[in-house]
């Protein structure tokens, strides 16, 4: 069953028919999000420009949202399976529940997911976006929404930043901007194997050289500890731990190969409970299939708590210590 409002997307009925789902119920015409009672893995979805996205909840429900929708119209309890979902949401900085096992805890997780989306909508019209647009054009293949979230998490989450696969530095710069505006000092450790990459928009014949150049260009070179090597090499792991100097990680960013579980096995003990986790390519290119399988398994095991897919298929959520 899908519950929805017509919204502004214009293709909901065609999408439902294509998926052979039940006829949608008519609801508030201003609403453009849906809660779908199905496993998120069964609904791969892509859009141009990241105009819509899925927000998977830990109880396997989905919210399909439109970036064009206002937040006030998005929160509509008549469309929710969770009767206790209130009009107002709790701040994301509040305590995050573990895997929901009741209507109340599921509703609390919905609140936190939607509050994060509300914050992102604020950032889209802020000066931060203008600053990060320059970064994105010069040094990132990530969607602007993801760069904004990296900035937000680096600024407000407790703990340091550990990044695996910065490429030429866009995500690193976004994290450095956020950490610099935080109320507490933070370490940023970024691991890059180097090499070269041919890409239609952002190629590099010498990744490490271009990464260092971009960090310097945007004024954050002194804020970042850059480690040249593969994240799982025996020489790299102790170097990362030494750079962290015993501090916990509050933001973990992975945009490397297709083995995120390997690196979480290497560094998971450094991650704080409820550490924010950003994993690129959950949906999209060929390497997405193994990444998606690993992330879904970690969610099922209770190690990861999903907060949504953003941009062009980047997974966002939190780490949960067992």
Protein backbone atom coordinates (compact mmCIF):
# COMPACT_ATOMS: atom_id res chain seq x y z
CA UNK A 1 0.00 0.00 0.00
CA UNK A 2 1.15 3.55 -0.76
CA UNK A 3 -0.37 6.62 0.82
CA UNK A 4 0.37 9.94 -0.82
CA UNK A 5 -0.72 13.37 -1.94
CA UNK A 6 -0.48 14.40 -5.60
CA UNK A 7 2.34 16.85 -4.83
CA UNK A 8 4.31 18.39 -7.70
CA UNK A 9 6.19 15.46 -9.12
CA UNK A 10 3.54 14.54 -11.65
CA UNK A 11 4.63 10.92 -12.13
CA UNK A 12 3.41 9.17 -8.98
CA UNK A 13 0.61 7.21 -10.63
CA UNK A 14 2.85 6.06 -13.46
CA UNK A 15 5.50 5.02 -10.96
CA UNK A 16 2.94 3.10 -8.90
CA UNK A 17 1.61 1.34 -11.98
CA UNK A 18 5.10 0.41 -13.10
CA UNK A 19 5.77 -1.13 -9.69
CA UNK A 20 2.39 -2.93 -9.75
CA UNK A 21 1.40 -1.38 -6.47
CA UNK A 22 -2.07 -0.76 -5.16
CA UNK A 23 -4.07 2.28 -6.23
CA UNK A 24 -2.98 5.34 -4.20
CA UNK A 25 -5.30 6.93 -1.72
CA UNK A 26 -6.05 10.62 -2.22
CA UNK A 27 -4.80 12.82 0.59
CA UNK A 28 -3.69 16.39 1.22
CA UNK A 29 -2.96 17.92 -2.18
CA UNK A 30 -0.05 19.92 -0.79
CA UNK A 31 1.78 16.87 0.41
CA UNK A 32 4.53 15.26 -1.63
CA UNK A 33 5.95 12.55 0.57
CA UNK A 34 4.93 8.99 0.97
CA UNK A 35 5.40 6.27 3.52
CA UNK A 36 5.84 2.93 1.81
CA UNK A 37 5.43 -0.27 3.81
CA UNK A 38 8.03 -2.29 1.98
CA UNK A 39 11.68 -3.16 2.39
CA UNK A 40 13.81 -0.34 1.05
CA UNK A 41 16.04 -2.72 -0.89
CA UNK A 42 13.09 -3.62 -3.12
CA UNK A 43 12.63 -0.05 -4.29
CA UNK A 44 15.69 1.13 -6.18
CA UNK A 45 14.98 4.62 -7.37
CA UNK A 46 16.90 7.31 -9.20
CA UNK A 47 16.12 10.84 -10.27
CA UNK A 48 17.80 13.60 -12.20
CA UNK A 49 19.44 16.19 -10.00
CA UNK A 50 18.44 14.54 -6.74
CA UNK A 51 15.01 16.22 -6.75
CA UNK A 52 13.48 13.41 -4.76
CA UNK A 53 14.86 10.75 -2.51
CA UNK A 54 14.09 7.93 -0.15
CA UNK A 55 14.36 8.22 3.61
CA UNK A 56 14.51 4.62 4.89
CA UNK A 57 13.42 4.11 8.47
CA UNK A 58 14.85 1.45 10.72
CA UNK A 59 11.55 -0.44 10.73
CA UNK A 60 11.93 -0.82 6.93
CA UNK A 61 9.34 1.82 6.05
CA UNK A 62 10.30 4.43 3.49
CA UNK A 63 9.58 8.10 3.08
CA UNK A 64 9.78 9.34 -0.50
CA UNK A 65 10.27 13.09 -0.39
CA UNK A 66 10.51 15.95 -2.84
CA UNK A 67 13.15 18.62 -2.35
CA UNK A 68 10.62 21.08 -3.79
CA UNK A 69 8.14 20.46 -0.99
CA UNK A 70 7.97 22.76 2.00
CA UNK A 71 8.64 21.12 5.34
CA UNK A 72 5.31 22.22 6.79
CA UNK A 73 3.44 20.34 4.08
CA UNK A 74 5.71 17.32 4.42
CA UNK A 75 4.76 16.64 8.03
CA UNK A 76 1.20 15.42 7.75
CA UNK A 77 0.20 12.82 10.34
CA UNK A 78 -2.80 11.73 8.25
CA UNK A 79 -0.33 10.13 5.83
CA UNK A 80 1.66 8.31 8.46
CA UNK A 81 1.26 4.74 9.59
CA UNK A 82 2.55 5.93 12.96
CA UNK A 83 -0.43 7.53 14.69
CA UNK A 84 1.79 9.11 17.31
CA UNK A 85 3.78 11.20 14.81
CA UNK A 86 3.36 14.83 15.98
CA UNK A 87 3.35 17.99 13.89
CA UNK A 88 6.54 19.22 15.54
CA UNK A 89 9.77 17.25 15.36
CA UNK A 90 12.50 16.76 17.93
CA UNK A 91 15.96 18.19 17.18
CA UNK A 92 18.42 15.86 15.48
CA UNK A 93 20.90 16.57 18.28
CA UNK A 94 18.60 14.86 20.79
CA UNK A 95 19.15 11.27 21.82
CA UNK A 96 18.84 8.86 18.91
CA UNK A 97 16.89 5.69 19.49
CA UNK A 98 18.25 2.27 18.65
CA UNK A 99 16.50 0.06 16.13
CA UNK A 100 12.82 0.86 16.69
CA UNK A 101 10.79 -2.02 18.07
CA UNK A 102 7.60 -0.15 18.94
CA UNK A 103 5.30 2.44 17.43
CA UNK A 104 6.67 5.05 19.82
CA UNK A 105 10.35 4.49 19.03
CA UNK A 106 9.60 4.25 15.31
CA UNK A 107 7.79 7.57 15.52
CA UNK A 108 10.75 9.12 17.34
CA UNK A 109 13.03 7.97 14.53
CA UNK A 110 10.66 9.47 11.96
CA UNK A 111 10.91 12.77 13.82
CA UNK A 112 14.70 12.74 13.72
CA UNK A 113 14.80 11.82 10.03
CA UNK A 114 12.40 14.62 9.14
CA UNK A 115 14.23 17.12 11.32
CA UNK A 116 17.44 16.37 9.43
CA UNK A 117 15.60 17.00 6.17
CA UNK A 118 14.24 20.27 7.55
CA UNK A 119 17.75 21.38 8.48
CA UNK A 120 18.98 20.51 5.01
CA UNK A 121 16.21 22.64 3.49
CA UNK A 122 17.45 25.57 5.58
CA UNK A 123 21.00 25.08 4.35
CA UNK A 124 19.86 25.12 0.71
CA UNK A 125 19.11 28.84 0.96
CA UNK A 126 22.00 29.78 3.25
CA UNK A 127 25.42 31.35 2.79
CA UNK A 128 26.94 27.94 3.53
CA UNK A 129 25.49 26.62 0.27
CA UNK A 130 27.07 29.49 -1.67
CA UNK A 131 30.47 28.67 -0.19
CA UNK A 132 30.12 24.96 -0.84
CA UNK A 133 28.94 25.46 -4.43
CA UNK A 134 32.40 26.80 -5.26
CA UNK A 135 33.92 23.77 -3.55
CA UNK A 136 31.62 21.38 -5.39
CA UNK A 137 32.37 22.84 -8.79
CA UNK A 138 36.12 22.67 -8.27
CA UNK A 139 36.67 19.56 -6.19
CA UNK A 140 33.70 17.21 -5.71
CA UNK A 141 31.48 14.73 -7.49
CA UNK A 142 29.08 14.57 -4.54
CA UNK A 143 25.66 16.18 -4.66
CA UNK A 144 25.38 19.57 -2.97
CA UNK A 145 22.96 18.14 -0.38
CA UNK A 146 25.62 15.65 0.72
CA UNK A 147 28.28 18.37 1.03
CA UNK A 148 25.85 20.38 3.17
CA UNK A 149 25.24 17.39 5.43
CA UNK A 150 28.98 16.78 5.78
CA UNK A 151 29.39 20.40 6.83
CA UNK A 152 26.52 20.08 9.31
CA UNK A 153 27.73 16.84 10.89
CA UNK A 154 31.33 18.04 11.14
CA UNK A 155 30.15 21.21 12.85
CA UNK A 156 27.65 19.82 15.33
CA UNK A 157 28.50 16.17 16.01
CA UNK A 158 30.84 15.41 18.91
CA UNK A 159 34.14 13.82 17.98
CA UNK A 160 36.62 13.87 15.12
CA UNK A 161 36.21 13.25 11.40
CA UNK A 162 37.54 10.16 9.62
CA UNK A 163 37.30 10.11 5.84
CA UNK A 164 38.21 7.31 3.46
CA UNK A 165 38.41 8.30 -0.20
CA UNK A 166 38.41 12.11 -0.43
CA UNK A 167 39.45 12.02 -4.11
CA UNK A 168 40.42 15.65 -4.83
CA UNK A 169 39.02 17.07 -1.62
CA UNK A 170 35.47 18.42 -1.93
CA UNK A 171 34.07 16.43 0.98
CA UNK A 172 37.21 17.10 3.03
CA UNK A 173 36.85 20.84 2.55
CA UNK A 174 33.16 20.72 3.52
CA UNK A 175 34.10 18.83 6.71
CA UNK A 176 36.90 21.29 7.46
CA UNK A 177 34.54 24.25 7.08
CA UNK A 178 32.10 22.65 9.51
CA UNK A 179 34.76 21.63 12.02
CA UNK A 180 36.28 25.11 11.94
CA UNK A 181 32.91 26.59 12.96
CA UNK A 182 32.35 24.02 15.70
CA UNK A 183 32.45 25.00 19.35
CA UNK A 184 35.16 22.41 20.08
CA UNK A 185 38.45 21.56 18.31
CA UNK A 186 38.29 18.53 16.03
CA UNK A 187 40.79 16.43 14.13
CA UNK A 188 40.15 15.60 10.48
CA UNK A 189 41.96 12.53 9.17
CA UNK A 190 41.58 11.74 5.48
CA UNK A 191 42.93 8.59 3.80
CA UNK A 192 43.58 8.63 0.05
CA UNK A 193 45.29 5.89 -1.98
CA UNK A 194 46.09 8.24 -4.86
CA UNK A 195 46.53 7.33 -8.51
CA UNK A 196 44.53 8.83 -11.36
CA UNK A 197 40.96 8.87 -12.58
CA UNK A 198 39.33 9.80 -15.85
CA UNK A 199 35.91 11.38 -15.37
CA UNK A 200 33.71 13.38 -17.72
CA UNK A 201 33.59 16.34 -15.33
CA UNK A 202 36.36 15.99 -12.76
CA UNK A 203 39.36 14.00 -13.95
CA UNK A 204 42.70 13.82 -12.20
CA UNK A 205 46.02 12.58 -13.51
CA UNK A 206 47.57 12.85 -10.03
CA UNK A 207 44.97 12.57 -7.26
CA UNK A 208 47.21 13.31 -4.27
CA UNK A 209 48.68 16.37 -5.95
CA UNK A 210 45.25 17.73 -6.87
CA UNK A 211 43.90 16.93 -3.40
CA UNK A 212 46.66 18.91 -1.70
CA UNK A 213 46.24 21.77 -4.16
CA UNK A 214 42.50 22.02 -3.45
CA UNK A 215 42.96 21.87 0.33
CA UNK A 216 45.42 24.74 0.06
CA UNK A 217 43.26 26.68 -2.40
CA UNK A 218 40.30 26.66 -0.02
CA UNK A 219 42.43 27.39 3.02
CA UNK A 220 42.03 24.16 4.99
CA UNK A 221 45.34 22.36 4.38
CA UNK A 222 46.46 22.97 7.97
CA UNK A 223 43.19 21.58 9.33
CA UNK A 224 43.54 18.14 7.73
CA UNK A 225 45.84 15.21 8.42
CA UNK A 226 46.23 13.56 5.02
CA UNK A 227 47.39 9.94 4.92
CA UNK A 228 48.52 8.63 1.54
CA UNK A 229 47.81 4.90 1.45
CA UNK A 230 45.11 2.27 1.33
CA UNK A 231 42.84 2.36 4.35
CA UNK A 232 43.24 -1.33 5.12
CA UNK A 233 47.04 -1.59 4.75
CA UNK A 234 48.94 -2.68 7.84
CA UNK A 235 50.99 0.52 7.74
CA UNK A 236 47.94 2.79 7.41
CA UNK A 237 45.83 1.52 10.30
CA UNK A 238 48.27 2.43 13.11
CA UNK A 239 48.98 5.78 11.45
CA UNK A 240 45.28 6.60 11.53
CA UNK A 241 44.98 5.60 15.16
CA UNK A 242 47.99 7.69 16.09
CA UNK A 243 46.56 10.70 14.26
CA UNK A 244 43.29 10.35 16.19
CA UNK A 245 45.27 10.41 19.45
CA UNK A 246 42.64 8.44 21.34
CA UNK A 247 39.74 10.64 20.32
CA UNK A 248 36.44 9.22 19.11
CA UNK A 249 35.10 9.74 15.61
CA UNK A 250 31.83 11.66 15.31
CA UNK A 251 31.65 11.63 11.48
CA UNK A 252 32.77 8.79 9.21
CA UNK A 253 32.80 9.37 5.44
CA UNK A 254 33.34 6.54 2.96
CA UNK A 255 33.71 7.17 -0.76
CA UNK A 256 36.34 4.67 -1.85
CA UNK A 257 35.99 1.18 -3.34
CA UNK A 258 33.10 -1.26 -2.85
CA UNK A 259 34.07 -2.66 0.57
CA UNK A 260 32.80 -0.37 3.29
CA UNK A 261 32.39 -3.26 5.72
CA UNK A 262 36.12 -3.97 5.59
CA UNK A 263 36.92 -0.43 6.68
CA UNK A 264 34.24 -0.40 9.37
CA UNK A 265 35.83 -3.60 10.69
CA UNK A 266 39.19 -1.79 10.72
CA UNK A 267 38.01 1.41 12.39
CA UNK A 268 34.61 0.70 13.93
CA UNK A 269 36.05 0.74 17.44
CA UNK A 270 37.08 4.38 16.89
CA UNK A 271 33.53 5.43 16.00
CA UNK A 272 31.48 6.95 18.79
CA UNK A 273 28.05 5.54 19.48
CA UNK A 274 25.67 7.42 17.14
CA UNK A 275 28.57 8.59 15.01
CA UNK A 276 27.22 10.00 11.75
CA UNK A 277 28.05 7.82 8.75
CA UNK A 278 28.05 8.89 5.09
CA UNK A 279 28.52 6.16 2.46
CA UNK A 280 28.54 7.16 -1.18
CA UNK A 281 27.35 4.98 -4.07
CA UNK A 282 24.71 3.06 -2.13
CA UNK A 283 22.63 3.50 -5.25
CA UNK A 284 23.94 4.14 -8.74
CA UNK A 285 27.10 2.74 -10.37
CA UNK A 286 28.27 -0.84 -10.65
CA UNK A 287 30.02 -0.82 -7.29
CA UNK A 288 26.73 0.10 -5.58
CA UNK A 289 25.50 -3.52 -5.45
CA UNK A 290 28.13 -4.83 -2.98
CA UNK A 291 28.02 -1.59 -0.97
CA UNK A 292 24.24 -1.80 -0.71
CA UNK A 293 24.40 -5.45 0.37
CA UNK A 294 26.97 -4.64 3.07
CA UNK A 295 25.07 -1.63 4.38
CA UNK A 296 21.77 -3.53 4.43
CA UNK A 297 23.43 -6.33 6.37
CA UNK A 298 24.88 -3.89 8.91
CA UNK A 299 21.44 -2.31 9.31
CA UNK A 300 19.90 -5.75 9.90
CA UNK A 301 22.61 -6.49 12.49
CA UNK A 302 21.81 -3.28 14.33
CA UNK A 303 25.20 -1.68 13.64
CA UNK A 304 23.88 1.03 11.31
CA UNK A 305 20.73 3.14 11.70
CA UNK A 306 19.51 4.62 8.39
CA UNK A 307 18.51 8.26 8.01
CA UNK A 308 18.08 8.36 4.26
CA UNK A 309 19.51 8.45 0.75
CA UNK A 310 20.54 11.87 -0.45
CA UNK A 311 21.63 13.37 -3.75
CA UNK A 312 22.58 10.74 -6.28
CA UNK A 313 22.40 7.72 -3.97
CA UNK A 314 24.51 8.57 -0.90
CA UNK A 315 23.50 6.69 2.25
CA UNK A 316 23.29 8.68 5.48
CA UNK A 317 22.85 7.23 8.93
CA UNK A 318 24.43 6.53 12.29
CA UNK A 319 26.76 3.95 13.79
CA UNK A 320 25.51 1.96 16.76
CA UNK A 321 27.90 0.27 19.13
CA UNK A 322 26.77 -3.14 20.28
